[in-house]
Amino acid sequence: MSLFAFIGAAVAEIAGCFSFWAWLRLDRSPWWLVPGVAALCLFAYLLTLVDADHAGRTYAIYGGVYIATALVWLWLAEGVRPDRWDLTGAGICLVGAATILWGPRS
């Protein structure tokens, strides 16, 4: 469940932020903000579904998932294929997120 919540939250956050980008940088209608704000609310809600005891650790793990999802958005929504450095960086972030998620705790 947590993986789906992380991915869903990342897509919702990126879509919500992109609506502001589209309005302010791409001269789209301010109406783009309506679904954007809804997406940002969904993002916040989805992070509460993650099975974790501490918000800070949840956000740190989410950060790695967010970075990888942002590169998928770059490719699918913006038509820019991530290069090897993008993919290497995302891989490092996902390894870091996995370390935080599954690292032994005392």
Protein backbone atom coordinates (compact mmCIF):
# COMPACT_ATOMS: atom_id res chain seq x y z
CA MET A 1 0.00 0.00 0.00
CA SER A 2 2.78 2.45 0.89
CA LEU A 3 4.45 2.19 -2.52
CA PHE A 4 1.17 3.06 -4.26
CA ALA A 5 0.61 5.94 -1.84
CA PHE A 6 4.12 7.27 -2.53
CA ILE A 7 3.73 7.03 -6.31
CA GLY A 8 0.22 8.49 -6.22
CA ALA A 9 1.40 11.33 -4.00
CA ALA A 10 4.30 12.06 -6.34
CA VAL A 11 2.08 12.17 -9.42
CA ALA A 12 -0.45 14.37 -7.60
CA GLU A 13 2.24 16.78 -6.37
CA ILE A 14 3.91 17.05 -9.76
CA ALA A 15 0.57 17.56 -11.53
CA GLY A 16 -0.47 20.19 -9.00
CA CYS A 17 2.80 22.08 -9.26
CA PHE A 18 2.76 21.75 -13.05
CA SER A 19 -0.62 23.51 -13.12
CA PHE A 20 1.02 26.57 -11.54
CA TRP A 21 3.96 26.25 -13.95
CA ALA A 22 1.55 26.10 -16.89
CA TRP A 23 -0.35 29.17 -15.66
CA LEU A 24 2.69 31.30 -14.81
CA ARG A 25 5.28 30.13 -17.33
CA LEU A 26 3.27 28.76 -20.26
CA ASP A 27 0.53 31.43 -20.26
CA ARG A 28 -2.27 28.94 -19.64
CA SER A 29 -5.61 29.97 -18.18
CA PRO A 30 -5.85 30.51 -14.41
CA TRP A 31 -8.47 27.74 -14.52
CA TRP A 32 -5.52 25.33 -14.61
CA LEU A 33 -5.17 26.10 -10.90
CA VAL A 34 -8.48 24.45 -9.97
CA PRO A 35 -7.41 20.87 -10.70
CA GLY A 36 -3.91 21.80 -9.57
CA VAL A 37 -5.04 22.74 -6.07
CA ALA A 38 -7.18 19.58 -5.91
CA ALA A 39 -4.13 17.53 -6.92
CA LEU A 40 -2.03 19.14 -4.18
CA CYS A 41 -4.73 18.31 -1.61
CA LEU A 42 -4.72 14.72 -2.86
CA PHE A 43 -0.93 14.66 -2.54
CA ALA A 44 -1.11 15.67 1.13
CA TYR A 45 -3.83 13.13 1.85
CA LEU A 46 -2.00 10.26 0.16
CA LEU A 47 1.10 10.79 2.29
CA THR A 48 -1.03 10.24 5.40
CA LEU A 49 -1.84 6.72 4.15
CA VAL A 50 1.78 5.58 4.36
CA ASP A 51 2.43 3.07 7.13
CA ALA A 52 5.13 4.90 9.09
CA ASP A 53 5.54 6.13 12.64
CA HIS A 54 7.40 9.35 11.87
CA ALA A 55 6.46 12.01 9.32
CA GLY A 56 10.04 13.09 8.69
CA ARG A 57 11.14 9.59 7.73
CA THR A 58 8.08 9.25 5.50
CA TYR A 59 8.94 12.50 3.71
CA ALA A 60 12.57 11.45 3.27
CA ILE A 61 11.54 8.16 1.65
CA TYR A 62 8.97 9.99 -0.47
CA GLY A 63 11.71 12.31 -1.74
CA GLY A 64 13.44 9.48 -3.59
CA VAL A 65 10.18 8.32 -5.15
CA TYR A 66 9.33 11.92 -6.09
CA ILE A 67 12.62 12.41 -7.93
CA ALA A 68 12.16 9.24 -9.99
CA THR A 69 8.53 10.14 -10.73
CA ALA A 70 9.54 13.65 -11.80
CA LEU A 71 11.83 12.14 -14.44
CA VAL A 72 8.98 9.95 -15.71
CA TRP A 73 6.84 13.13 -15.91
CA LEU A 74 9.67 14.87 -17.79
CA TRP A 75 9.60 12.10 -20.38
CA LEU A 76 5.86 11.43 -20.68
CA ALA A 77 4.35 14.90 -20.15
CA GLU A 78 7.09 17.16 -21.47
CA GLY A 79 8.59 14.93 -24.15
CA VAL A 80 12.16 15.16 -22.85
CA ARG A 81 13.92 11.84 -22.43
CA PRO A 82 15.99 11.64 -19.23
CA ASP A 83 19.69 11.15 -19.88
CA ARG A 84 22.07 8.80 -18.11
CA TRP A 85 22.88 11.40 -15.45
CA ASP A 86 19.20 11.88 -14.68
CA LEU A 87 18.75 8.13 -14.35
CA THR A 88 21.92 7.70 -12.29
CA GLY A 89 20.83 10.44 -9.91
CA ALA A 90 17.36 8.95 -9.56
CA GLY A 91 18.86 5.53 -8.90
CA ILE A 92 21.06 6.95 -6.14
CA CYS A 93 18.01 8.64 -4.60
CA LEU A 94 15.99 5.42 -4.70
CA VAL A 95 18.83 3.51 -3.04
CA GLY A 96 18.89 6.18 -0.34
CA ALA A 97 15.12 5.98 0.11
CA ALA A 98 15.31 2.18 0.36
CA THR A 99 18.07 2.47 2.96
CA ILE A 100 15.89 4.77 5.06
CA LEU A 101 12.85 2.53 4.59
CA TRP A 102 14.42 -0.86 5.29
CA GLY A 103 17.45 0.06 7.38
CA PRO A 104 17.62 -1.69 10.76
CA ARG A 105 16.40 0.40 13.67
CA SER A 106 17.48 0.03 17.26
